[in-house]
Amino acid sequence: MAGSLYYLIRGVVPTLAIFGLYRFWFAIVELAPDCFYAASPEGLDAKYQHVEPTYQRTFEKRETPTVDLAGHGWMSFLSGVMYVAIALLAPWCPLP
């Protein structure tokens, strides 16, 4: 049983790194939303306002599509660091 756990930790846990990269992407979007979305529908062409999402940091009601950003970009970044760190350290896990 201990050997199986060892191989599980060394073989499966490193795959968590992909979730870290995903969290890094979330952090980038949350920290710099102006690079990806318009802040209000007025900043978009009229023909795209009904389909192109805008971002907001409050939860006010809008008639156009929105992406609600809670503003926790640094928490997403830190969780991404944790995922990647665990994935990088798992292969050096000592034998049980």
PDB file of N, CA and C in Angstrom:
ATOM      1  N   MET A   1       0.818  -1.205   0.000  1.00  0.00           N
ATOM      2  CA  MET A   1       0.000   0.000   0.000  1.00  0.00           C
ATOM      3  C   MET A   1       0.854   1.257   0.000  1.00  0.00           C
ATOM      4  N   ALA A   2       1.930   1.247   0.799  1.00  0.00           N
ATOM      5  CA  ALA A   2       2.785   2.430   0.877  1.00  0.00           C
ATOM      6  C   ALA A   2       3.454   2.710  -0.464  1.00  0.00           C
ATOM      7  N   GLY A   3       3.838   1.647  -1.177  1.00  0.00           N
ATOM      8  CA  GLY A   3       4.452   1.837  -2.491  1.00  0.00           C
ATOM      9  C   GLY A   3       3.490   2.443  -3.484  1.00  0.00           C
ATOM     10  N   SER A   4       2.231   2.032  -3.426  1.00  0.00           N
ATOM     11  CA  SER A   4       1.215   2.583  -4.323  1.00  0.00           C
ATOM     12  C   SER A   4       1.003   4.070  -4.059  1.00  0.00           C
ATOM     13  N   LEU A   5       0.982   4.443  -2.780  1.00  0.00           N
ATOM     14  CA  LEU A   5       0.827   5.855  -2.427  1.00  0.00           C
ATOM     15  C   LEU A   5       2.024   6.666  -2.933  1.00  0.00           C
ATOM     16  N   TYR A   6       3.195   6.095  -2.829  1.00  0.00           N
ATOM     17  CA  TYR A   6       4.405   6.754  -3.316  1.00  0.00           C
ATOM     18  C   TYR A   6       4.303   7.039  -4.809  1.00  0.00           C
ATOM     19  N   TYR A   7       3.896   6.023  -5.578  1.00  0.00           N
ATOM     20  CA  TYR A   7       3.778   6.213  -7.017  1.00  0.00           C
ATOM     21  C   TYR A   7       2.624   7.150  -7.378  1.00  0.00           C
ATOM     22  N   LEU A   8       1.581   7.139  -6.574  1.00  0.00           N
ATOM     23  CA  LEU A   8       0.481   8.070  -6.792  1.00  0.00           C
ATOM     24  C   LEU A   8       0.963   9.504  -6.603  1.00  0.00           C
ATOM     25  N   ILE A   9       1.683   9.747  -5.523  1.00  0.00           N
ATOM     26  CA  ILE A   9       2.185  11.095  -5.250  1.00  0.00           C
ATOM     27  C   ILE A   9       3.172  11.534  -6.325  1.00  0.00           C
ATOM     28  N   ARG A  10       4.069  10.657  -6.704  1.00  0.00           N
ATOM     29  CA  ARG A  10       5.080  11.036  -7.702  1.00  0.00           C
ATOM     30  C   ARG A  10       4.549  11.066  -9.121  1.00  0.00           C
ATOM     31  N   GLY A  11       3.480  10.340  -9.405  1.00  0.00           N
ATOM     32  CA  GLY A  11       2.985  10.264 -10.774  1.00  0.00           C
ATOM     33  C   GLY A  11       1.772  11.116 -11.076  1.00  0.00           C
ATOM     34  N   VAL A  12       0.914  11.330 -10.087  1.00  0.00           N
ATOM     35  CA  VAL A  12      -0.343  12.034 -10.339  1.00  0.00           C
ATOM     36  C   VAL A  12      -0.296  13.481  -9.850  1.00  0.00           C
ATOM     37  N   VAL A  13       0.296  13.709  -8.694  1.00  0.00           N
ATOM     38  CA  VAL A  13       0.306  15.056  -8.115  1.00  0.00           C
ATOM     39  C   VAL A  13       0.980  16.086  -9.042  1.00  0.00           C
ATOM     40  N   PRO A  14       2.042  15.749  -9.790  1.00  0.00           N
ATOM     41  CA  PRO A  14       2.615  16.758 -10.694  1.00  0.00           C
ATOM     42  C   PRO A  14       1.652  17.266 -11.763  1.00  0.00           C
ATOM     43  N   THR A  15       0.612  16.504 -12.037  1.00  0.00           N
ATOM     44  CA  THR A  15      -0.349  16.986 -13.034  1.00  0.00           C
ATOM     45  C   THR A  15      -1.161  18.166 -12.518  1.00  0.00           C
ATOM     46  N   LEU A  16      -1.083  18.468 -11.236  1.00  0.00           N
ATOM     47  CA  LEU A  16      -1.791  19.630 -10.687  1.00  0.00           C
ATOM     48  C   LEU A  16      -1.231  20.949 -11.220  1.00  0.00           C
ATOM     49  N   ALA A  17      -0.055  20.922 -11.808  1.00  0.00           N
ATOM     50  CA  ALA A  17       0.551  22.154 -12.326  1.00  0.00           C
ATOM     51  C   ALA A  17      -0.353  22.832 -13.354  1.00  0.00           C
ATOM     52  N   ILE A  18      -1.101  22.060 -14.120  1.00  0.00           N
ATOM     53  CA  ILE A  18      -1.978  22.666 -15.125  1.00  0.00           C
ATOM     54  C   ILE A  18      -3.046  23.532 -14.465  1.00  0.00           C
ATOM     55  N   PHE A  19      -3.516  23.145 -13.275  1.00  0.00           N
ATOM     56  CA  PHE A  19      -4.473  23.973 -12.554  1.00  0.00           C
ATOM     57  C   PHE A  19      -3.815  25.269 -12.088  1.00  0.00           C
ATOM     58  N   GLY A  20      -2.536  25.209 -11.769  1.00  0.00           N
ATOM     59  CA  GLY A  20      -1.805  26.417 -11.407  1.00  0.00           C
ATOM     60  C   GLY A  20      -1.735  27.397 -12.563  1.00  0.00           C
ATOM     61  N   LEU A  21      -1.480  26.885 -13.757  1.00  0.00           N
ATOM     62  CA  LEU A  21      -1.437  27.755 -14.934  1.00  0.00           C
ATOM     63  C   LEU A  21      -2.808  28.368 -15.201  1.00  0.00           C
ATOM     64  N   TYR A  22      -3.848  27.592 -14.956  1.00  0.00           N
ATOM     65  CA  TYR A  22      -5.217  28.088 -15.101  1.00  0.00           C
ATOM     66  C   TYR A  22      -5.484  29.219 -14.101  1.00  0.00           C
ATOM     67  N   ARG A  23      -5.036  29.065 -12.865  1.00  0.00           N
ATOM     68  CA  ARG A  23      -5.203  30.105 -11.848  1.00  0.00           C
ATOM     69  C   ARG A  23      -4.384  31.346 -12.197  1.00  0.00           C
ATOM     70  N   PHE A  24      -3.202  31.169 -12.800  1.00  0.00           N
ATOM     71  CA  PHE A  24      -2.421  32.320 -13.249  1.00  0.00           C
ATOM     72  C   PHE A  24      -3.204  33.102 -14.292  1.00  0.00           C
ATOM     73  N   TRP A  25      -3.861  32.392 -15.202  1.00  0.00           N
ATOM     74  CA  TRP A  25      -4.663  33.068 -16.230  1.00  0.00           C
ATOM     75  C   TRP A  25      -5.804  33.847 -15.578  1.00  0.00           C
ATOM     76  N   PHE A  26      -6.491  33.248 -14.620  1.00  0.00           N
ATOM     77  CA  PHE A  26      -7.543  33.964 -13.892  1.00  0.00           C
ATOM     78  C   PHE A  26      -6.992  35.223 -13.239  1.00  0.00           C
ATOM     79  N   ALA A  27      -5.816  35.114 -12.640  1.00  0.00           N
ATOM     80  CA  ALA A  27      -5.219  36.266 -11.958  1.00  0.00           C
ATOM     81  C   ALA A  27      -4.945  37.393 -12.943  1.00  0.00           C
ATOM     82  N   ILE A  28      -4.435  37.044 -14.107  1.00  0.00           N
ATOM     83  CA  ILE A  28      -4.143  38.069 -15.118  1.00  0.00           C
ATOM     84  C   ILE A  28      -5.429  38.781 -15.544  1.00  0.00           C
ATOM     85  N   VAL A  29      -6.479  38.014 -15.779  1.00  0.00           N
ATOM     86  CA  VAL A  29      -7.757  38.609 -16.197  1.00  0.00           C
ATOM     87  C   VAL A  29      -8.331  39.480 -15.091  1.00  0.00           C
ATOM     88  N   GLU A  30      -8.229  39.025 -13.828  1.00  0.00           N
ATOM     89  CA  GLU A  30      -8.793  39.806 -12.726  1.00  0.00           C
ATOM     90  C   GLU A  30      -7.975  41.052 -12.407  1.00  0.00           C
ATOM     91  N   LEU A  31      -6.664  40.985 -12.600  1.00  0.00           N
ATOM     92  CA  LEU A  31      -5.816  42.133 -12.282  1.00  0.00           C
ATOM     93  C   LEU A  31      -5.751  43.163 -13.402  1.00  0.00           C
ATOM     94  N   ALA A  32      -5.958  42.747 -14.640  1.00  0.00           N
ATOM     95  CA  ALA A  32      -5.910  43.678 -15.774  1.00  0.00           C
ATOM     96  C   ALA A  32      -7.097  43.434 -16.712  1.00  0.00           C
ATOM     97  N   PRO A  33      -8.324  43.629 -16.243  1.00  0.00           N
ATOM     98  CA  PRO A  33      -9.482  43.315 -17.091  1.00  0.00           C
ATOM     99  C   PRO A  33      -9.615  44.220 -18.314  1.00  0.00           C
ATOM    100  N   ASP A  34      -9.032  45.414 -18.265  1.00  0.00           N
ATOM    101  CA  ASP A  34      -9.128  46.321 -19.412  1.00  0.00           C
ATOM    102  C   ASP A  34      -8.428  45.776 -20.650  1.00  0.00           C
ATOM    103  N   CYS A  35      -7.522  44.838 -20.473  1.00  0.00           N
ATOM    104  CA  CYS A  35      -6.844  44.218 -21.618  1.00  0.00           C
ATOM    105  C   CYS A  35      -7.749  43.226 -22.344  1.00  0.00           C
ATOM    106  N   PHE A  36      -8.819  42.772 -21.679  1.00  0.00           N
ATOM    107  CA  PHE A  36      -9.662  41.727 -22.238  1.00  0.00           C
ATOM    108  C   PHE A  36     -11.111  42.153 -22.465  1.00  0.00           C
ATOM    109  N   TYR A  37     -11.613  43.072 -21.648  1.00  0.00           N
ATOM    110  CA  TYR A  37     -13.016  43.471 -21.713  1.00  0.00           C
ATOM    111  C   TYR A  37     -13.135  44.987 -21.653  1.00  0.00           C
ATOM    112  N   ALA A  38     -14.228  45.489 -22.206  1.00  0.00           N
ATOM    113  CA  ALA A  38     -14.546  46.908 -22.055  1.00  0.00           C
ATOM    114  C   ALA A  38     -15.189  47.123 -20.684  1.00  0.00           C
ATOM    115  N   ALA A  39     -15.001  48.302 -20.117  1.00  0.00           N
ATOM    116  CA  ALA A  39     -15.549  48.581 -18.785  1.00  0.00           C
ATOM    117  C   ALA A  39     -17.046  48.853 -18.823  1.00  0.00           C
ATOM    118  N   SER A  40     -17.547  49.319 -19.939  1.00  0.00           N
ATOM    119  CA  SER A  40     -18.984  49.607 -20.044  1.00  0.00           C
ATOM    120  C   SER A  40     -19.436  49.365 -21.488  1.00  0.00           C
ATOM    121  N   PRO A  41     -20.715  49.151 -21.678  1.00  0.00           N
ATOM    122  CA  PRO A  41     -21.227  48.918 -23.041  1.00  0.00           C
ATOM    123  C   PRO A  41     -21.012  50.100 -23.979  1.00  0.00           C
ATOM    124  N   GLU A  42     -20.892  51.299 -23.418  1.00  0.00           N
ATOM    125  CA  GLU A  42     -20.693  52.476 -24.263  1.00  0.00           C
ATOM    126  C   GLU A  42     -19.347  52.432 -24.988  1.00  0.00           C
ATOM    127  N   GLY A  43     -18.401  51.651 -24.500  1.00  0.00           N
ATOM    128  CA  GLY A  43     -17.096  51.548 -25.140  1.00  0.00           C
ATOM    129  C   GLY A  43     -17.068  50.580 -26.307  1.00  0.00           C
ATOM    130  N   LEU A  44     -18.194  49.960 -26.605  1.00  0.00           N
ATOM    131  CA  LEU A  44     -18.278  48.984 -27.691  1.00  0.00           C
ATOM    132  C   LEU A  44     -19.071  49.558 -28.856  1.00  0.00           C
ATOM    133  N   ASP A  45     -18.842  49.009 -30.051  1.00  0.00           N
ATOM    134  CA  ASP A  45     -19.680  49.361 -31.189  1.00  0.00           C
ATOM    135  C   ASP A  45     -21.112  48.924 -30.895  1.00  0.00           C
ATOM    136  N   ALA A  46     -22.073  49.677 -31.363  1.00  0.00           N
ATOM    137  CA  ALA A  46     -23.482  49.396 -31.080  1.00  0.00           C
ATOM    138  C   ALA A  46     -23.898  48.005 -31.565  1.00  0.00           C
ATOM    139  N   LYS A  47     -23.338  47.562 -32.683  1.00  0.00           N
ATOM    140  CA  LYS A  47     -23.753  46.261 -33.223  1.00  0.00           C
ATOM    141  C   LYS A  47     -23.220  45.090 -32.396  1.00  0.00           C
ATOM    142  N   TYR A  48     -22.233  45.325 -31.505  1.00  0.00           N
ATOM    143  CA  TYR A  48     -21.689  44.249 -30.677  1.00  0.00           C
ATOM    144  C   TYR A  48     -22.116  44.321 -29.212  1.00  0.00           C
ATOM    145  N   GLN A  49     -22.837  45.347 -28.823  1.00  0.00           N
ATOM    146  CA  GLN A  49     -23.187  45.526 -27.411  1.00  0.00           C
ATOM    147  C   GLN A  49     -24.054  44.403 -26.863  1.00  0.00           C
ATOM    148  N   HIS A  50     -24.819  43.748 -27.675  1.00  0.00           N
ATOM    149  CA  HIS A  50     -25.700  42.684 -27.173  1.00  0.00           C
ATOM    150  C   HIS A  50     -24.985  41.343 -27.010  1.00  0.00           C
ATOM    151  N   VAL A  51     -23.778  41.206 -27.552  1.00  0.00           N
ATOM    152  CA  VAL A  51     -23.064  39.918 -27.454  1.00  0.00           C
ATOM    153  C   VAL A  51     -21.695  40.021 -26.789  1.00  0.00           C
ATOM    154  N   GLU A  52     -21.041  41.143 -26.888  1.00  0.00           N
ATOM    155  CA  GLU A  52     -19.695  41.290 -26.335  1.00  0.00           C
ATOM    156  C   GLU A  52     -19.783  41.617 -24.844  1.00  0.00           C
ATOM    157  N   PRO A  53     -19.192  40.778 -23.974  1.00  0.00           N
ATOM    158  CA  PRO A  53     -19.303  41.063 -22.543  1.00  0.00           C
ATOM    159  C   PRO A  53     -18.416  42.222 -22.109  1.00  0.00           C
ATOM    160  N   THR A  54     -18.873  42.898 -21.094  1.00  0.00           N
ATOM    161  CA  THR A  54     -18.076  43.927 -20.419  1.00  0.00           C
ATOM    162  C   THR A  54     -17.814  43.428 -19.009  1.00  0.00           C
ATOM    163  N   TYR A  55     -16.915  44.069 -18.297  1.00  0.00           N
ATOM    164  CA  TYR A  55     -16.653  43.608 -16.935  1.00  0.00           C
ATOM    165  C   TYR A  55     -17.191  44.612 -15.924  1.00  0.00           C
ATOM    166  N   GLN A  56     -17.435  44.121 -14.738  1.00  0.00           N
ATOM    167  CA  GLN A  56     -17.843  44.979 -13.634  1.00  0.00           C
ATOM    168  C   GLN A  56     -17.336  44.361 -12.340  1.00  0.00           C
ATOM    169  N   ARG A  57     -17.041  45.231 -11.389  1.00  0.00           N
ATOM    170  CA  ARG A  57     -16.560  44.770 -10.086  1.00  0.00           C
ATOM    171  C   ARG A  57     -17.655  44.832  -9.028  1.00  0.00           C
ATOM    172  N   THR A  58     -18.790  45.396  -9.379  1.00  0.00           N
ATOM    173  CA  THR A  58     -19.954  45.400  -8.499  1.00  0.00           C
ATOM    174  C   THR A  58     -21.004  44.492  -9.128  1.00  0.00           C
ATOM    175  N   PHE A  59     -22.034  44.208  -8.393  1.00  0.00           N
ATOM    176  CA  PHE A  59     -23.051  43.288  -8.902  1.00  0.00           C
ATOM    177  C   PHE A  59     -24.342  44.019  -9.256  1.00  0.00           C
ATOM    178  N   GLU A  60     -24.186  45.132  -9.944  1.00  0.00           N
ATOM    179  CA  GLU A  60     -25.355  45.873 -10.411  1.00  0.00           C
ATOM    180  C   GLU A  60     -25.935  45.165 -11.637  1.00  0.00           C
ATOM    181  N   LYS A  61     -27.208  45.350 -11.847  1.00  0.00           N
ATOM    182  CA  LYS A  61     -27.893  44.704 -12.966  1.00  0.00           C
ATOM    183  C   LYS A  61     -27.637  45.479 -14.254  1.00  0.00           C
ATOM    184  N   ARG A  62     -27.189  44.774 -15.280  1.00  0.00           N
ATOM    185  CA  ARG A  62     -27.016  45.361 -16.613  1.00  0.00           C
ATOM    186  C   ARG A  62     -27.803  44.526 -17.609  1.00  0.00           C
ATOM    187  N   GLU A  63     -28.219  45.169 -18.663  1.00  0.00           N
ATOM    188  CA  GLU A  63     -28.972  44.473 -19.708  1.00  0.00           C
ATOM    189  C   GLU A  63     -28.037  43.774 -20.693  1.00  0.00           C
ATOM    190  N   THR A  64     -26.792  44.164 -20.719  1.00  0.00           N
ATOM    191  CA  THR A  64     -25.832  43.561 -21.641  1.00  0.00           C
ATOM    192  C   THR A  64     -25.049  42.460 -20.921  1.00  0.00           C
ATOM    193  N   PRO A  65     -24.395  41.554 -21.659  1.00  0.00           N
ATOM    194  CA  PRO A  65     -23.609  40.499 -21.017  1.00  0.00           C
ATOM    195  C   PRO A  65     -22.465  41.093 -20.190  1.00  0.00           C
ATOM    196  N   THR A  66     -22.239  40.536 -19.009  1.00  0.00           N
ATOM    197  CA  THR A  66     -21.162  41.027 -18.152  1.00  0.00           C
ATOM    198  C   THR A  66     -20.344  39.871 -17.605  1.00  0.00           C
ATOM    199  N   VAL A  67     -19.123  40.197 -17.245  1.00  0.00           N
ATOM    200  CA  VAL A  67     -18.242  39.292 -16.521  1.00  0.00           C
ATOM    201  C   VAL A  67     -18.048  39.931 -15.155  1.00  0.00           C
ATOM    202  N   ASP A  68     -18.507  39.256 -14.120  1.00  0.00           N
ATOM    203  CA  ASP A  68     -18.395  39.796 -12.766  1.00  0.00           C
ATOM    204  C   ASP A  68     -17.042  39.409 -12.182  1.00  0.00           C
ATOM    205  N   LEU A  69     -16.211  40.416 -11.929  1.00  0.00           N
ATOM    206  CA  LEU A  69     -14.892  40.180 -11.349  1.00  0.00           C
ATOM    207  C   LEU A  69     -14.903  40.593  -9.894  1.00  0.00           C
ATOM    208  N   ALA A  70     -14.562  39.676  -9.035  1.00  0.00           N
ATOM    209  CA  ALA A  70     -14.602  39.958  -7.599  1.00  0.00           C
ATOM    210  C   ALA A  70     -13.378  40.742  -7.139  1.00  0.00           C
ATOM    211  N   GLY A  71     -12.354  40.804  -7.955  1.00  0.00           N
ATOM    212  CA  GLY A  71     -11.161  41.551  -7.579  1.00  0.00           C
ATOM    213  C   GLY A  71     -10.218  40.784  -6.671  1.00  0.00           C
ATOM    214  N   HIS A  72     -10.230  39.473  -6.755  1.00  0.00           N
ATOM    215  CA  HIS A  72      -9.343  38.643  -5.950  1.00  0.00           C
ATOM    216  C   HIS A  72      -8.199  38.083  -6.786  1.00  0.00           C
ATOM    217  N   GLY A  73      -7.637  38.892  -7.634  1.00  0.00           N
ATOM    218  CA  GLY A  73      -6.577  38.445  -8.529  1.00  0.00           C
ATOM    219  C   GLY A  73      -5.350  37.941  -7.816  1.00  0.00           C
ATOM    220  N   TRP A  74      -4.998  38.586  -6.709  1.00  0.00           N
ATOM    221  CA  TRP A  74      -3.807  38.141  -5.980  1.00  0.00           C
ATOM    222  C   TRP A  74      -4.031  36.792  -5.331  1.00  0.00           C
ATOM    223  N   MET A  75      -5.256  36.506  -4.905  1.00  0.00           N
ATOM    224  CA  MET A  75      -5.547  35.192  -4.328  1.00  0.00           C
ATOM    225  C   MET A  75      -5.458  34.111  -5.411  1.00  0.00           C
ATOM    226  N   SER A  76      -5.906  34.425  -6.613  1.00  0.00           N
ATOM    227  CA  SER A  76      -5.779  33.480  -7.719  1.00  0.00           C
ATOM    228  C   SER A  76      -4.307  33.235  -8.032  1.00  0.00           C
ATOM    229  N   PHE A  77      -3.518  34.301  -8.002  1.00  0.00           N
ATOM    230  CA  PHE A  77      -2.091  34.157  -8.273  1.00  0.00           C
ATOM    231  C   PHE A  77      -1.419  33.283  -7.209  1.00  0.00           C
ATOM    232  N   LEU A  78      -1.740  33.520  -5.943  1.00  0.00           N
ATOM    233  CA  LEU A  78      -1.136  32.728  -4.870  1.00  0.00           C
ATOM    234  C   LEU A  78      -1.566  31.263  -4.926  1.00  0.00           C
ATOM    235  N   SER A  79      -2.821  31.007  -5.258  1.00  0.00           N
ATOM    236  CA  SER A  79      -3.233  29.611  -5.380  1.00  0.00           C
ATOM    237  C   SER A  79      -2.553  28.948  -6.572  1.00  0.00           C
ATOM    238  N   GLY A  80      -2.300  29.701  -7.635  1.00  0.00           N
ATOM    239  CA  GLY A  80      -1.540  29.164  -8.762  1.00  0.00           C
ATOM    240  C   GLY A  80      -0.119  28.816  -8.371  1.00  0.00           C
ATOM    241  N   VAL A  81       0.491  29.673  -7.563  1.00  0.00           N
ATOM    242  CA  VAL A  81       1.847  29.387  -7.072  1.00  0.00           C
ATOM    243  C   VAL A  81       1.838  28.112  -6.237  1.00  0.00           C
ATOM    244  N   MET A  82       0.825  27.950  -5.398  1.00  0.00           N
ATOM    245  CA  MET A  82       0.753  26.747  -4.562  1.00  0.00           C
ATOM    246  C   MET A  82       0.593  25.483  -5.408  1.00  0.00           C
ATOM    247  N   TYR A  83      -0.279  25.521  -6.404  1.00  0.00           N
ATOM    248  CA  TYR A  83      -0.448  24.367  -7.289  1.00  0.00           C
ATOM    249  C   TYR A  83       0.873  23.998  -7.972  1.00  0.00           C
ATOM    250  N   VAL A  84       1.547  24.986  -8.522  1.00  0.00           N
ATOM    251  CA  VAL A  84       2.791  24.715  -9.246  1.00  0.00           C
ATOM    252  C   VAL A  84       3.882  24.240  -8.284  1.00  0.00           C
ATOM    253  N   ALA A  85       3.959  24.834  -7.096  1.00  0.00           N
ATOM    254  CA  ALA A  85       4.971  24.419  -6.126  1.00  0.00           C
ATOM    255  C   ALA A  85       4.748  22.973  -5.695  1.00  0.00           C
ATOM    256  N   ILE A  86       3.509  22.597  -5.415  1.00  0.00           N
ATOM    257  CA  ILE A  86       3.221  21.209  -5.039  1.00  0.00           C
ATOM    258  C   ILE A  86       3.580  20.259  -6.174  1.00  0.00           C
ATOM    259  N   ALA A  87       3.252  20.659  -7.399  1.00  0.00           N
ATOM    260  CA  ALA A  87       3.555  19.807  -8.543  1.00  0.00           C
ATOM    261  C   ALA A  87       5.053  19.657  -8.759  1.00  0.00           C
ATOM    262  N   LEU A  88       5.807  20.717  -8.495  1.00  0.00           N
ATOM    263  CA  LEU A  88       7.258  20.635  -8.681  1.00  0.00           C
ATOM    264  C   LEU A  88       7.950  19.865  -7.562  1.00  0.00           C
ATOM    265  N   LEU A  89       7.399  19.902  -6.366  1.00  0.00           N
ATOM    266  CA  LEU A  89       8.021  19.220  -5.233  1.00  0.00           C
ATOM    267  C   LEU A  89       7.626  17.753  -5.128  1.00  0.00           C
ATOM    268  N   ALA A  90       6.510  17.349  -5.705  1.00  0.00           N
ATOM    269  CA  ALA A  90       6.019  15.971  -5.583  1.00  0.00           C
ATOM    270  C   ALA A  90       7.002  14.928  -6.087  1.00  0.00           C
ATOM    271  N   PRO A  91       7.700  15.121  -7.194  1.00  0.00           N
ATOM    272  CA  PRO A  91       8.620  14.085  -7.651  1.00  0.00           C
ATOM    273  C   PRO A  91       9.767  13.799  -6.679  1.00  0.00           C
ATOM    274  N   TRP A  92      10.068  14.721  -5.809  1.00  0.00           N
ATOM    275  CA  TRP A  92      11.150  14.505  -4.839  1.00  0.00           C
ATOM    276  C   TRP A  92      10.621  14.030  -3.500  1.00  0.00           C
ATOM    277  N   CYS A  93       9.407  13.535  -3.508  1.00  0.00           N
ATOM    278  CA  CYS A  93       8.808  13.013  -2.280  1.00  0.00           C
ATOM    279  C   CYS A  93       9.630  11.800  -1.816  1.00  0.00           C
ATOM    280  N   PRO A  94      10.024  11.744  -0.546  1.00  0.00           N
ATOM    281  CA  PRO A  94      10.835  10.613  -0.078  1.00  0.00           C
ATOM    282  C   PRO A  94      10.007   9.325  -0.026  1.00  0.00           C
ATOM    283  N   LEU A  95      10.691   8.214  -0.075  1.00  0.00           N
ATOM    284  CA  LEU A  95      10.020   6.924   0.053  1.00  0.00           C
ATOM    285  C   LEU A  95       9.345   6.804   1.413  1.00  0.00           C
ATOM    286  N   PRO A  96       8.169   6.185   1.475  1.00  0.00           N
ATOM    287  CA  PRO A  96       7.493   6.038   2.775  1.00  0.00           C
ATOM    288  C   PRO A  96       8.212   5.043   3.680  1.00  0.00           C
TER     289      PRO A  96
END
